[in-house]
Protein backbone atom coordinates (compact mmCIF):
# COMPACT_ATOMS: atom_id res chain seq x y z
CA UNK A 1 -2.55 4.84 -15.30
CA UNK A 2 -2.90 8.25 -13.70
CA UNK A 3 -5.33 8.60 -10.84
CA UNK A 4 -6.71 12.02 -10.03
CA UNK A 5 -7.24 12.10 -6.26
CA UNK A 6 -7.72 14.96 -3.82
CA UNK A 7 -4.73 15.76 -1.59
CA UNK A 8 -6.53 14.61 1.56
CA UNK A 9 -8.48 11.36 1.71
CA UNK A 10 -9.88 9.49 4.68
CA UNK A 11 -8.47 6.04 5.38
CA UNK A 12 -11.75 4.55 4.18
CA UNK A 13 -11.62 6.43 0.88
CA UNK A 14 -7.94 5.61 0.35
CA UNK A 15 -8.60 1.91 0.94
CA UNK A 16 -11.50 2.08 -1.51
CA UNK A 17 -9.20 3.58 -4.18
CA UNK A 18 -6.46 1.02 -3.54
CA UNK A 19 -8.99 -1.84 -3.52
CA UNK A 20 -10.28 -0.77 -6.95
CA UNK A 21 -6.78 -0.99 -8.42
CA UNK A 22 -5.96 -4.24 -6.59
CA UNK A 23 -9.12 -5.89 -7.90
CA UNK A 24 -8.12 -5.02 -11.47
CA UNK A 25 -4.65 -6.44 -10.88
CA UNK A 26 -5.97 -9.63 -9.29
CA UNK A 27 -8.03 -10.25 -12.41
CA UNK A 28 -5.48 -9.09 -14.98
CA UNK A 29 -1.98 -9.63 -13.58
CA UNK A 30 -1.84 -11.22 -10.12
CA UNK A 31 1.91 -11.87 -10.44
CA UNK A 32 2.55 -8.16 -10.85
CA UNK A 33 0.40 -7.45 -7.80
CA UNK A 34 2.47 -9.91 -5.76
CA UNK A 35 5.62 -8.22 -7.02
CA UNK A 36 4.28 -4.84 -5.89
CA UNK A 37 3.37 -6.26 -2.48
CA UNK A 38 6.92 -7.59 -2.15
CA UNK A 39 8.42 -4.22 -3.11
CA UNK A 40 6.15 -2.45 -0.63
CA UNK A 41 7.47 -4.87 2.01
CA UNK A 42 4.10 -6.45 2.76
CA UNK A 43 5.32 -9.78 4.11
CA UNK A 44 4.05 -13.16 2.99
CA UNK A 45 3.28 -13.91 6.62
CA UNK A 46 0.97 -10.87 6.86
CA UNK A 47 -0.70 -11.76 3.56
CA UNK A 48 -1.28 -15.36 4.65
CA UNK A 49 -2.62 -14.32 8.08
CA UNK A 50 -4.93 -11.74 6.54
CA UNK A 51 -6.29 -14.13 3.93
CA UNK A 52 -6.95 -16.82 6.56
CA UNK A 53 -8.77 -14.54 8.98
CA UNK A 54 -10.43 -11.88 6.83
CA UNK A 55 -14.12 -11.96 6.03
CA UNK A 56 -13.65 -9.24 3.39
CA UNK A 57 -13.07 -9.91 -0.31
CA UNK A 58 -9.40 -10.48 -1.23
CA UNK A 59 -8.97 -7.13 -2.99
CA UNK A 60 -10.18 -5.24 0.09
CA UNK A 61 -7.95 -7.33 2.36
CA UNK A 62 -4.93 -6.55 0.17
CA UNK A 63 -5.88 -2.86 0.08
CA UNK A 64 -5.94 -2.75 3.87
CA UNK A 65 -2.51 -4.39 4.06
CA UNK A 66 -1.08 -1.96 1.50
CA UNK A 67 -2.51 1.12 3.22
CA UNK A 68 -1.36 -0.07 6.65
CA UNK A 69 2.17 -0.61 5.33
CA UNK A 70 2.25 2.76 3.58
CA UNK A 71 1.24 4.52 6.79
CA UNK A 72 4.02 2.67 8.64
CA UNK A 73 6.55 3.80 6.04
CA UNK A 74 5.40 7.42 6.34
CA UNK A 75 5.66 7.29 10.13
CA UNK A 76 9.16 5.82 9.94
CA UNK A 77 10.31 8.53 7.52
CA UNK A 78 8.98 11.23 9.82
CA UNK A 79 10.59 9.65 12.87
CA UNK A 80 14.01 9.31 11.27
CA UNK A 81 13.93 12.39 9.06
CA UNK A 82 17.37 13.80 8.39
CA UNK A 83 18.23 17.32 7.46
CA UNK A 84 19.68 17.78 3.98
CA UNK A 85 23.45 17.48 3.75
CA UNK A 86 25.00 20.85 3.07
CA UNK A 87 26.49 21.04 -0.41
CA UNK A 88 24.38 18.15 -1.77
CA UNK A 89 21.48 20.22 -3.09
CA UNK A 90 20.72 19.71 -6.76
């Protein structure tokens, strides 16, 4: 499924887009959603904590966890960015 999104979205709009997709997955293929959460490195501990304390619907809670994790991954990549290795360009 291709999603046509603008290059820049606010956190709120990004969470809304993620929540839409998560809701569809929760209804259609929750096991695949859990697999994606695992691959994104959203820990079971974080999921459990969020589900126990959140007053938001599950799909919005998951969307917030996903977006938070993605922002952490981006920050880590920027922090530890390495220059390309000379001679390895393809």
